[in-house]
């Protein structure tokens, strides 16, 4: 079969539209449509097989998450031949972070193809989960090498500049802690949970203190996000923190 040319089953299929969709998303025609349809099925729209079995994309998401982490590690290992384990671990974590995957999924247009019985507007994690499920589907359908090709061409090359990412470090909390340890300073993180009556939602405020001095203050929907925002402010204020390359 010529590369990029539809398989014979494409011409016999009643679902040519879905064949074309997968080709547009991943760059090749699928051997099995079923696994890709499952990849786009949110648990709220689970397909019933019998009274005890319901199919959705959660198992493929689990598989895709593991495969993605493995392939990204593979890519980083050879792209940065002299970097230490700590640097590679940080880079991988940033690439496979939920925020990053959600953004990539939206860039790919996956939000238009997820089958869900729930309202998913504003629930961005569903998009990143679907991307992981799609990766799992490609692995089941085509194997490791084809999945790696997809991740390089459609995820890394189109969405991530590895050199630019390596030159920056958004883990501000780690940098603040390392700076404090280096200068033998006792930094204290104080976290407060706030009930927002306007948004009917909880959020967190984190404050970084050095004695009585406030180095940084940040707000977020999670404690982790609030601490990162506070650390970013501390990073800017001190002007002494250096970017960690390892």
C-alpha atoms as a PDB file:
ATOM      1  CA  UNK A   1       0.000   0.000   0.000  1.00  0.00           C
ATOM      2  CA  UNK A   2       1.355   3.416  -0.952  1.00  0.00           C
ATOM      3  CA  UNK A   3       2.125   5.751   1.913  1.00  0.00           C
ATOM      4  CA  UNK A   4      -0.833   8.040   2.597  1.00  0.00           C
ATOM      5  CA  UNK A   5      -3.071   5.999   0.259  1.00  0.00           C
ATOM      6  CA  UNK A   6      -6.276   4.658   1.822  1.00  0.00           C
ATOM      7  CA  UNK A   7      -6.482   0.924   2.563  1.00  0.00           C
ATOM      8  CA  UNK A   8      -8.945  -1.208   0.612  1.00  0.00           C
ATOM      9  CA  UNK A   9     -11.324  -1.287   3.594  1.00  0.00           C
ATOM     10  CA  UNK A  10     -11.624   2.508   3.309  1.00  0.00           C
ATOM     11  CA  UNK A  11     -13.389   2.189  -0.046  1.00  0.00           C
ATOM     12  CA  UNK A  12     -15.706  -0.477   1.357  1.00  0.00           C
ATOM     13  CA  UNK A  13     -16.441   1.372   4.578  1.00  0.00           C
ATOM     14  CA  UNK A  14     -19.616   3.340   5.261  1.00  0.00           C
ATOM     15  CA  UNK A  15     -17.585   5.531   7.607  1.00  0.00           C
ATOM     16  CA  UNK A  16     -15.251   7.270   5.149  1.00  0.00           C
ATOM     17  CA  UNK A  17     -15.715  10.574   7.006  1.00  0.00           C
ATOM     18  CA  UNK A  18     -14.180   9.134  10.184  1.00  0.00           C
ATOM     19  CA  UNK A  19     -11.346   7.525   8.201  1.00  0.00           C
ATOM     20  CA  UNK A  20     -10.523  10.971   6.777  1.00  0.00           C
ATOM     21  CA  UNK A  21     -10.753  12.570  10.227  1.00  0.00           C
ATOM     22  CA  UNK A  22      -8.198  10.172  11.697  1.00  0.00           C
ATOM     23  CA  UNK A  23      -5.923  10.653   8.700  1.00  0.00           C
ATOM     24  CA  UNK A  24      -6.081  14.432   9.152  1.00  0.00           C
ATOM     25  CA  UNK A  25      -5.355  14.198  12.892  1.00  0.00           C
ATOM     26  CA  UNK A  26      -2.576  11.599  12.927  1.00  0.00           C
ATOM     27  CA  UNK A  27      -1.137  11.631   9.387  1.00  0.00           C
ATOM     28  CA  UNK A  28      -1.978   8.077   8.348  1.00  0.00           C
ATOM     29  CA  UNK A  29      -5.003   5.873   7.754  1.00  0.00           C
ATOM     30  CA  UNK A  30      -6.045   3.594  10.643  1.00  0.00           C
ATOM     31  CA  UNK A  31      -6.143  -0.168  10.368  1.00  0.00           C
ATOM     32  CA  UNK A  32      -8.980  -0.345  12.910  1.00  0.00           C
ATOM     33  CA  UNK A  33     -11.581   2.386  13.280  1.00  0.00           C
ATOM     34  CA  UNK A  34     -13.116   0.930  16.432  1.00  0.00           C
ATOM     35  CA  UNK A  35     -10.207   1.750  18.748  1.00  0.00           C
ATOM     36  CA  UNK A  36     -10.198   5.390  17.601  1.00  0.00           C
ATOM     37  CA  UNK A  37     -13.932   5.739  18.157  1.00  0.00           C
ATOM     38  CA  UNK A  38     -13.412   4.489  21.706  1.00  0.00           C
ATOM     39  CA  UNK A  39     -10.581   7.029  22.139  1.00  0.00           C
ATOM     40  CA  UNK A  40     -13.057   9.859  21.562  1.00  0.00           C
ATOM     41  CA  UNK A  41     -15.752   8.417  23.836  1.00  0.00           C
ATOM     42  CA  UNK A  42     -15.927  10.120  27.228  1.00  0.00           C
ATOM     43  CA  UNK A  43     -17.095   7.960  30.139  1.00  0.00           C
ATOM     44  CA  UNK A  44     -20.397   9.863  30.250  1.00  0.00           C
ATOM     45  CA  UNK A  45     -21.161   8.445  26.791  1.00  0.00           C
ATOM     46  CA  UNK A  46     -19.843   4.908  27.422  1.00  0.00           C
ATOM     47  CA  UNK A  47     -20.817   2.360  24.803  1.00  0.00           C
ATOM     48  CA  UNK A  48     -22.593  -0.676  26.244  1.00  0.00           C
ATOM     49  CA  UNK A  49     -21.393  -4.136  25.219  1.00  0.00           C
ATOM     50  CA  UNK A  50     -23.557  -6.046  27.655  1.00  0.00           C
ATOM     51  CA  UNK A  51     -25.026  -5.489  31.094  1.00  0.00           C
ATOM     52  CA  UNK A  52     -21.600  -5.662  32.766  1.00  0.00           C
ATOM     53  CA  UNK A  53     -19.266  -3.998  30.231  1.00  0.00           C
ATOM     54  CA  UNK A  54     -19.212  -0.379  29.060  1.00  0.00           C
ATOM     55  CA  UNK A  55     -16.527   1.004  26.761  1.00  0.00           C
ATOM     56  CA  UNK A  56     -15.022   4.490  27.046  1.00  0.00           C
ATOM     57  CA  UNK A  57     -11.604   6.067  26.594  1.00  0.00           C
ATOM     58  CA  UNK A  58     -10.323   5.680  30.172  1.00  0.00           C
ATOM     59  CA  UNK A  59      -8.308   2.495  29.508  1.00  0.00           C
ATOM     60  CA  UNK A  60      -6.778   4.004  26.361  1.00  0.00           C
ATOM     61  CA  UNK A  61      -6.024   7.175  28.316  1.00  0.00           C
ATOM     62  CA  UNK A  62      -4.140   5.081  30.908  1.00  0.00           C
ATOM     63  CA  UNK A  63      -2.142   3.379  28.159  1.00  0.00           C
ATOM     64  CA  UNK A  64      -1.511   6.588  26.225  1.00  0.00           C
ATOM     65  CA  UNK A  65      -0.265   8.365  29.342  1.00  0.00           C
ATOM     66  CA  UNK A  66       2.390   5.685  29.893  1.00  0.00           C
ATOM     67  CA  UNK A  67       3.374   5.473  26.211  1.00  0.00           C
ATOM     68  CA  UNK A  68       3.644   9.266  25.913  1.00  0.00           C
ATOM     69  CA  UNK A  69       5.912   9.500  28.970  1.00  0.00           C
ATOM     70  CA  UNK A  70       8.107   6.705  27.600  1.00  0.00           C
ATOM     71  CA  UNK A  71       8.446   8.198  24.116  1.00  0.00           C
ATOM     72  CA  UNK A  72       9.081  11.723  25.420  1.00  0.00           C
ATOM     73  CA  UNK A  73      11.824  10.284  27.658  1.00  0.00           C
ATOM     74  CA  UNK A  74      13.260   8.537  24.584  1.00  0.00           C
ATOM     75  CA  UNK A  75      13.216  11.793  22.582  1.00  0.00           C
ATOM     76  CA  UNK A  76      14.758  13.905  25.356  1.00  0.00           C
ATOM     77  CA  UNK A  77      17.476  11.342  26.109  1.00  0.00           C
ATOM     78  CA  UNK A  78      18.913  11.635  22.605  1.00  0.00           C
ATOM     79  CA  UNK A  79      18.070  15.314  21.993  1.00  0.00           C
ATOM     80  CA  UNK A  80      19.972  16.398  25.128  1.00  0.00           C
ATOM     81  CA  UNK A  81      22.880  13.895  25.267  1.00  0.00           C
ATOM     82  CA  UNK A  82      24.788  15.686  28.043  1.00  0.00           C
ATOM     83  CA  UNK A  83      21.988  16.808  30.350  1.00  0.00           C
ATOM     84  CA  UNK A  84      21.518  15.228  33.767  1.00  0.00           C
ATOM     85  CA  UNK A  85      18.608  13.094  34.941  1.00  0.00           C
ATOM     86  CA  UNK A  86      17.061  15.951  36.926  1.00  0.00           C
ATOM     87  CA  UNK A  87      16.891  18.212  33.868  1.00  0.00           C
ATOM     88  CA  UNK A  88      15.385  15.445  31.706  1.00  0.00           C
ATOM     89  CA  UNK A  89      12.794  14.666  34.370  1.00  0.00           C
ATOM     90  CA  UNK A  90      11.734  18.329  34.594  1.00  0.00           C
ATOM     91  CA  UNK A  91      11.502  18.647  30.813  1.00  0.00           C
ATOM     92  CA  UNK A  92       9.398  15.523  30.498  1.00  0.00           C
ATOM     93  CA  UNK A  93       7.083  16.675  33.286  1.00  0.00           C
ATOM     94  CA  UNK A  94       6.508  19.999  31.529  1.00  0.00           C
ATOM     95  CA  UNK A  95       5.811  18.375  28.153  1.00  0.00           C
ATOM     96  CA  UNK A  96       3.312  15.827  29.507  1.00  0.00           C
ATOM     97  CA  UNK A  97       1.716  18.202  32.024  1.00  0.00           C
ATOM     98  CA  UNK A  98      -2.074  18.380  32.006  1.00  0.00           C
ATOM     99  CA  UNK A  99      -1.987  22.069  31.067  1.00  0.00           C
ATOM    100  CA  UNK A 100       0.301  21.417  28.110  1.00  0.00           C
ATOM    101  CA  UNK A 101      -1.708  18.436  26.833  1.00  0.00           C
ATOM    102  CA  UNK A 102      -4.978  20.353  27.119  1.00  0.00           C
ATOM    103  CA  UNK A 103      -3.534  23.168  25.017  1.00  0.00           C
ATOM    104  CA  UNK A 104      -2.161  20.786  22.371  1.00  0.00           C
ATOM    105  CA  UNK A 105      -5.486  18.927  22.176  1.00  0.00           C
ATOM    106  CA  UNK A 106      -7.305  22.209  21.601  1.00  0.00           C
ATOM    107  CA  UNK A 107      -4.768  23.193  18.925  1.00  0.00           C
ATOM    108  CA  UNK A 108      -5.489  19.890  17.184  1.00  0.00           C
ATOM    109  CA  UNK A 109      -9.239  20.484  17.361  1.00  0.00           C
ATOM    110  CA  UNK A 110     -10.014  17.406  19.443  1.00  0.00           C
ATOM    111  CA  UNK A 111     -12.738  19.336  21.287  1.00  0.00           C
ATOM    112  CA  UNK A 112     -14.936  19.028  18.196  1.00  0.00           C
ATOM    113  CA  UNK A 113     -14.760  15.235  18.075  1.00  0.00           C
ATOM    114  CA  UNK A 114     -15.198  14.084  21.690  1.00  0.00           C
ATOM    115  CA  UNK A 115     -18.453  12.226  22.286  1.00  0.00           C
ATOM    116  CA  UNK A 116     -19.822  13.199  25.691  1.00  0.00           C
ATOM    117  CA  UNK A 117     -23.201  13.364  27.399  1.00  0.00           C
ATOM    118  CA  UNK A 118     -21.877  16.008  29.789  1.00  0.00           C
ATOM    119  CA  UNK A 119     -21.279  19.682  29.165  1.00  0.00           C
ATOM    120  CA  UNK A 120     -17.516  19.870  28.753  1.00  0.00           C
ATOM    121  CA  UNK A 121     -17.096  23.607  28.251  1.00  0.00           C
ATOM    122  CA  UNK A 122     -14.533  24.782  30.770  1.00  0.00           C
ATOM    123  CA  UNK A 123     -13.526  21.220  31.673  1.00  0.00           C
ATOM    124  CA  UNK A 124     -10.305  21.295  29.690  1.00  0.00           C
ATOM    125  CA  UNK A 125      -8.830  18.131  31.205  1.00  0.00           C
ATOM    126  CA  UNK A 126     -11.225  16.147  29.044  1.00  0.00           C
ATOM    127  CA  UNK A 127      -9.297  17.367  25.996  1.00  0.00           C
ATOM    128  CA  UNK A 128      -5.897  16.330  27.320  1.00  0.00           C
ATOM    129  CA  UNK A 129      -7.364  12.988  28.389  1.00  0.00           C
ATOM    130  CA  UNK A 130      -8.699  12.466  24.870  1.00  0.00           C
ATOM    131  CA  UNK A 131      -5.253  13.208  23.430  1.00  0.00           C
ATOM    132  CA  UNK A 132      -3.720  10.560  25.682  1.00  0.00           C
ATOM    133  CA  UNK A 133      -6.465   8.146  24.637  1.00  0.00           C
ATOM    134  CA  UNK A 134      -5.706   8.904  20.975  1.00  0.00           C
ATOM    135  CA  UNK A 135      -2.040   8.093  21.617  1.00  0.00           C
ATOM    136  CA  UNK A 136      -3.129   4.843  23.248  1.00  0.00           C
ATOM    137  CA  UNK A 137      -5.285   4.047  20.216  1.00  0.00           C
ATOM    138  CA  UNK A 138      -2.407   4.652  17.806  1.00  0.00           C
ATOM    139  CA  UNK A 139      -0.183   2.357  19.882  1.00  0.00           C
ATOM    140  CA  UNK A 140      -2.811  -0.416  19.866  1.00  0.00           C
ATOM    141  CA  UNK A 141      -3.450   0.034  16.147  1.00  0.00           C
ATOM    142  CA  UNK A 142       0.039   0.691  14.792  1.00  0.00           C
ATOM    143  CA  UNK A 143       2.651  -0.029  17.469  1.00  0.00           C
ATOM    144  CA  UNK A 144       5.498   1.904  19.066  1.00  0.00           C
ATOM    145  CA  UNK A 145       7.331   3.342  16.045  1.00  0.00           C
ATOM    146  CA  UNK A 146       4.204   4.780  14.431  1.00  0.00           C
ATOM    147  CA  UNK A 147       3.165   6.255  17.774  1.00  0.00           C
ATOM    148  CA  UNK A 148       6.600   7.832  18.189  1.00  0.00           C
ATOM    149  CA  UNK A 149       6.348   9.287  14.686  1.00  0.00           C
ATOM    150  CA  UNK A 150       2.972  10.834  15.571  1.00  0.00           C
ATOM    151  CA  UNK A 151       4.278  12.320  18.826  1.00  0.00           C
ATOM    152  CA  UNK A 152       7.336  13.825  17.114  1.00  0.00           C
ATOM    153  CA  UNK A 153       5.521  15.230  14.088  1.00  0.00           C
ATOM    154  CA  UNK A 154       2.145  16.236  15.483  1.00  0.00           C
ATOM    155  CA  UNK A 155       2.897  17.015  19.154  1.00  0.00           C
ATOM    156  CA  UNK A 156       6.550  18.034  19.569  1.00  0.00           C
ATOM    157  CA  UNK A 157       7.330  19.652  16.203  1.00  0.00           C
ATOM    158  CA  UNK A 158       4.044  21.550  15.948  1.00  0.00           C
ATOM    159  CA  UNK A 159       3.627  22.649  19.556  1.00  0.00           C
ATOM    160  CA  UNK A 160       6.884  22.553  21.519  1.00  0.00           C
ATOM    161  CA  UNK A 161      10.250  24.213  20.975  1.00  0.00           C
ATOM    162  CA  UNK A 162      12.613  22.044  22.995  1.00  0.00           C
ATOM    163  CA  UNK A 163      15.475  24.556  22.870  1.00  0.00           C
ATOM    164  CA  UNK A 164      13.284  27.393  24.137  1.00  0.00           C
ATOM    165  CA  UNK A 165      11.766  25.185  26.814  1.00  0.00           C
ATOM    166  CA  UNK A 166      15.232  24.137  27.969  1.00  0.00           C
ATOM    167  CA  UNK A 167      16.225  27.797  28.294  1.00  0.00           C
ATOM    168  CA  UNK A 168      13.412  28.544  30.714  1.00  0.00           C
ATOM    169  CA  UNK A 169      12.222  26.913  33.900  1.00  0.00           C
ATOM    170  CA  UNK A 170       8.647  27.581  34.995  1.00  0.00           C
ATOM    171  CA  UNK A 171       9.060  25.584  38.208  1.00  0.00           C
ATOM    172  CA  UNK A 172       9.505  28.781  40.192  1.00  0.00           C
ATOM    173  CA  UNK A 173       8.851  27.099  43.550  1.00  0.00           C
ATOM    174  CA  UNK A 174      11.839  24.778  43.126  1.00  0.00           C
ATOM    175  CA  UNK A 175      14.030  27.708  42.165  1.00  0.00           C
ATOM    176  CA  UNK A 176      12.925  29.752  45.161  1.00  0.00           C
ATOM    177  CA  UNK A 177      13.616  26.843  47.521  1.00  0.00           C
ATOM    178  CA  UNK A 178      17.017  26.204  45.924  1.00  0.00           C
ATOM    179  CA  UNK A 179      17.868  29.920  46.202  1.00  0.00           C
ATOM    180  CA  UNK A 180      16.909  29.908  49.886  1.00  0.00           C
ATOM    181  CA  UNK A 181      18.986  26.811  50.582  1.00  0.00           C
ATOM    182  CA  UNK A 182      21.965  28.225  48.686  1.00  0.00           C
ATOM    183  CA  UNK A 183      21.848  31.438  50.721  1.00  0.00           C
ATOM    184  CA  UNK A 184      20.990  29.609  53.964  1.00  0.00           C
ATOM    185  CA  UNK A 185      17.669  31.465  54.294  1.00  0.00           C
ATOM    186  CA  UNK A 186      14.611  30.047  56.025  1.00  0.00           C
ATOM    187  CA  UNK A 187      11.718  30.601  53.601  1.00  0.00           C
ATOM    188  CA  UNK A 188       8.173  29.898  54.784  1.00  0.00           C
ATOM    189  CA  UNK A 189       5.174  29.123  52.556  1.00  0.00           C
ATOM    190  CA  UNK A 190       1.846  30.093  54.120  1.00  0.00           C
ATOM    191  CA  UNK A 191      -1.276  28.809  52.334  1.00  0.00           C
ATOM    192  CA  UNK A 192      -4.820  30.016  52.865  1.00  0.00           C
ATOM    193  CA  UNK A 193      -8.033  28.552  51.441  1.00  0.00           C
ATOM    194  CA  UNK A 194     -10.576  31.221  50.497  1.00  0.00           C
ATOM    195  CA  UNK A 195     -14.284  30.788  49.790  1.00  0.00           C
ATOM    196  CA  UNK A 196     -15.221  33.027  46.863  1.00  0.00           C
ATOM    197  CA  UNK A 197     -18.902  33.965  47.143  1.00  0.00           C
ATOM    198  CA  UNK A 198     -18.857  35.659  43.743  1.00  0.00           C
ATOM    199  CA  UNK A 199     -17.726  32.595  41.802  1.00  0.00           C
ATOM    200  CA  UNK A 200     -19.139  30.097  44.279  1.00  0.00           C
ATOM    201  CA  UNK A 201     -15.774  28.380  44.249  1.00  0.00           C
ATOM    202  CA  UNK A 202     -12.745  27.880  46.453  1.00  0.00           C
ATOM    203  CA  UNK A 203      -9.346  29.298  45.650  1.00  0.00           C
ATOM    204  CA  UNK A 204      -6.005  29.485  47.441  1.00  0.00           C
ATOM    205  CA  UNK A 205      -3.651  32.301  48.417  1.00  0.00           C
ATOM    206  CA  UNK A 206      -0.004  31.460  49.028  1.00  0.00           C
ATOM    207  CA  UNK A 207       2.498  33.789  50.686  1.00  0.00           C
ATOM    208  CA  UNK A 208       6.282  33.340  50.791  1.00  0.00           C
ATOM    209  CA  UNK A 209       7.921  34.921  53.801  1.00  0.00           C
ATOM    210  CA  UNK A 210      11.497  35.551  54.833  1.00  0.00           C
ATOM    211  CA  UNK A 211      11.107  36.461  58.475  1.00  0.00           C
ATOM    212  CA  UNK A 212       8.599  39.325  58.506  1.00  0.00           C
ATOM    213  CA  UNK A 213       9.300  40.220  54.883  1.00  0.00           C
ATOM    214  CA  UNK A 214       6.886  39.041  52.158  1.00  0.00           C
ATOM    215  CA  UNK A 215       8.849  37.920  49.115  1.00  0.00           C
ATOM    216  CA  UNK A 216       5.880  36.840  47.035  1.00  0.00           C
ATOM    217  CA  UNK A 217       2.134  36.379  47.066  1.00  0.00           C
ATOM    218  CA  UNK A 218      -0.015  34.443  44.595  1.00  0.00           C
ATOM    219  CA  UNK A 219      -3.524  33.189  43.995  1.00  0.00           C
ATOM    220  CA  UNK A 220      -4.718  30.003  42.251  1.00  0.00           C
ATOM    221  CA  UNK A 221      -7.494  27.454  41.962  1.00  0.00           C
ATOM    222  CA  UNK A 222      -5.185  24.911  43.603  1.00  0.00           C
ATOM    223  CA  UNK A 223      -2.574  25.199  46.345  1.00  0.00           C
ATOM    224  CA  UNK A 224       0.112  24.230  43.841  1.00  0.00           C
ATOM    225  CA  UNK A 225      -0.928  26.956  41.391  1.00  0.00           C
ATOM    226  CA  UNK A 226      -1.006  29.566  44.174  1.00  0.00           C
ATOM    227  CA  UNK A 227       2.480  28.566  45.346  1.00  0.00           C
ATOM    228  CA  UNK A 228       3.853  28.765  41.802  1.00  0.00           C
ATOM    229  CA  UNK A 229       2.367  32.243  41.323  1.00  0.00           C
ATOM    230  CA  UNK A 230       3.778  33.398  44.653  1.00  0.00           C
ATOM    231  CA  UNK A 231       7.161  31.935  43.749  1.00  0.00           C
ATOM    232  CA  UNK A 232       7.103  33.688  40.382  1.00  0.00           C
ATOM    233  CA  UNK A 233       6.585  37.025  42.139  1.00  0.00           C
ATOM    234  CA  UNK A 234       9.445  36.222  44.519  1.00  0.00           C
ATOM    235  CA  UNK A 235      11.595  35.292  41.517  1.00  0.00           C
ATOM    236  CA  UNK A 236      10.996  38.716  39.952  1.00  0.00           C
ATOM    237  CA  UNK A 237      11.418  40.657  43.211  1.00  0.00           C
ATOM    238  CA  UNK A 238      14.724  39.220  44.320  1.00  0.00           C
ATOM    239  CA  UNK A 239      16.410  39.419  40.912  1.00  0.00           C
ATOM    240  CA  UNK A 240      18.932  36.963  42.339  1.00  0.00           C
ATOM    241  CA  UNK A 241      17.449  33.645  41.315  1.00  0.00           C
ATOM    242  CA  UNK A 242      19.194  31.953  38.445  1.00  0.00           C
ATOM    243  CA  UNK A 243      17.665  29.544  35.941  1.00  0.00           C
ATOM    244  CA  UNK A 244      18.550  25.977  36.756  1.00  0.00           C
ATOM    245  CA  UNK A 245      19.966  24.141  33.735  1.00  0.00           C
ATOM    246  CA  UNK A 246      20.350  20.769  35.449  1.00  0.00           C
END
